[in-house]
Amino acid sequence: MDMIYLLDLSFVALLFVIAYLSRRIGEALMIQPHYKLFYFSAFLITIASLLSIFAKGVDGMERVHLIALGIRGASSLLSLPVAVRYWSWLFNEDMRG
């Protein structure tokens, strides 16, 4: 279960990079600032990771780990439509060949 903390940290770093790049693309394409949801997703993953860490040594806290996994999943689902909004032009360019 310790590997999940490294994955959380990696995903948070990835979300920050994607948020930065999406902000730059959004400014160029004049898109509304939906990239801020990436920061919110990173915050949710941090909360989920902290929940897992604090519940690790306490008996009877299995449900907290499930809640933390649910928060991680919700954060991923929140990020997906935002990523599609900002990065869909790449797929269109690839299809044109």
Protein backbone atom coordinates (compact mmCIF):
# COMPACT_ATOMS: atom_id res chain seq x y z
CA MET A 1 0.00 0.00 0.00
CA ASP A 2 3.02 2.30 0.35
CA MET A 3 3.45 2.48 -3.41
CA ILE A 4 0.16 4.35 -3.72
CA TYR A 5 1.68 7.37 -1.97
CA LEU A 6 4.38 7.57 -4.62
CA LEU A 7 1.73 7.27 -7.31
CA ASP A 8 -0.29 10.02 -5.63
CA LEU A 9 2.74 12.29 -5.57
CA SER A 10 3.47 11.55 -9.23
CA PHE A 11 -0.12 12.19 -10.25
CA VAL A 12 -0.23 15.48 -8.34
CA ALA A 13 2.97 16.61 -10.09
CA LEU A 14 1.52 15.56 -13.43
CA LEU A 15 -1.68 17.51 -12.74
CA PHE A 16 0.36 20.63 -11.96
CA VAL A 17 2.26 20.31 -15.25
CA ILE A 18 -0.94 19.72 -17.22
CA ALA A 19 -2.61 22.67 -15.46
CA TYR A 20 0.28 24.94 -16.40
CA LEU A 21 0.28 23.82 -20.03
CA SER A 22 -3.51 24.03 -20.23
CA ARG A 23 -3.43 27.56 -18.87
CA ARG A 24 -1.00 28.57 -21.60
CA ILE A 25 -3.07 26.87 -24.30
CA GLY A 26 -6.25 28.39 -22.88
CA GLU A 27 -4.75 31.87 -23.06
CA ALA A 28 -3.74 31.32 -26.68
CA LEU A 29 -7.09 29.84 -27.72
CA MET A 30 -9.10 32.18 -25.45
CA ILE A 31 -10.78 29.32 -23.58
CA GLN A 32 -12.39 29.85 -20.19
CA PRO A 33 -10.08 28.97 -17.28
CA HIS A 34 -11.26 25.42 -16.66
CA TYR A 35 -7.65 24.42 -16.00
CA LYS A 36 -8.19 25.40 -12.35
CA LEU A 37 -10.03 22.11 -11.93
CA PHE A 38 -6.67 20.38 -12.35
CA TYR A 39 -5.48 22.16 -9.22
CA PHE A 40 -8.64 21.11 -7.41
CA SER A 41 -8.06 17.51 -8.51
CA ALA A 42 -4.50 17.67 -7.18
CA PHE A 43 -5.89 18.97 -3.89
CA LEU A 44 -8.37 16.07 -3.74
CA ILE A 45 -5.61 13.53 -4.33
CA THR A 46 -3.53 15.14 -1.59
CA ILE A 47 -6.49 14.90 0.80
CA ALA A 48 -7.02 11.24 -0.14
CA SER A 49 -3.36 10.47 0.41
CA LEU A 50 -3.38 12.17 3.81
CA LEU A 51 -6.51 10.25 4.79
CA SER A 52 -4.78 7.00 3.90
CA ILE A 53 -1.65 7.94 5.82
CA PHE A 54 -3.53 8.92 8.97
CA ALA A 55 -5.76 5.85 8.85
CA LYS A 56 -2.87 3.46 8.22
CA GLY A 57 -2.02 2.65 11.82
CA VAL A 58 -5.53 2.76 13.28
CA ASP A 59 -7.62 -0.38 13.66
CA GLY A 60 -11.07 -0.41 12.10
CA MET A 61 -10.28 2.25 9.51
CA GLU A 62 -10.69 0.09 6.39
CA ARG A 63 -13.61 2.22 5.31
CA VAL A 64 -11.40 5.31 5.26
CA HIS A 65 -9.14 3.62 2.70
CA LEU A 66 -12.17 2.96 0.50
CA ILE A 67 -13.25 6.58 0.85
CA ALA A 68 -9.74 7.69 -0.10
CA LEU A 69 -9.85 5.47 -3.19
CA GLY A 70 -13.23 6.97 -4.07
CA ILE A 71 -11.80 10.47 -3.76
CA ARG A 72 -8.91 9.50 -6.04
CA GLY A 73 -11.36 8.13 -8.60
CA ALA A 74 -13.56 11.23 -8.41
CA SER A 75 -10.53 13.42 -8.92
CA SER A 76 -9.56 11.47 -12.04
CA LEU A 77 -13.08 11.69 -13.40
CA LEU A 78 -13.08 15.43 -12.76
CA SER A 79 -9.81 15.88 -14.65
CA LEU A 80 -10.78 13.86 -17.71
CA PRO A 81 -13.35 16.23 -19.32
CA VAL A 82 -11.11 19.22 -18.61
CA ALA A 83 -8.19 17.49 -20.33
CA VAL A 84 -10.39 16.63 -23.30
CA ARG A 85 -11.56 20.26 -23.49
CA TYR A 86 -8.03 21.64 -23.67
CA TRP A 87 -6.28 18.87 -25.58
CA SER A 88 -8.89 17.63 -28.07
CA TRP A 89 -7.24 19.63 -30.85
CA LEU A 90 -4.31 17.19 -30.74
CA PHE A 91 -6.60 14.34 -31.72
CA ASN A 92 -8.08 16.40 -34.55
CA GLU A 93 -4.60 17.18 -35.88
CA ASP A 94 -3.60 13.53 -35.68
CA MET A 95 -6.69 12.42 -37.59
CA ARG A 96 -5.95 14.86 -40.42
CA GLY A 97 -2.54 13.26 -40.81
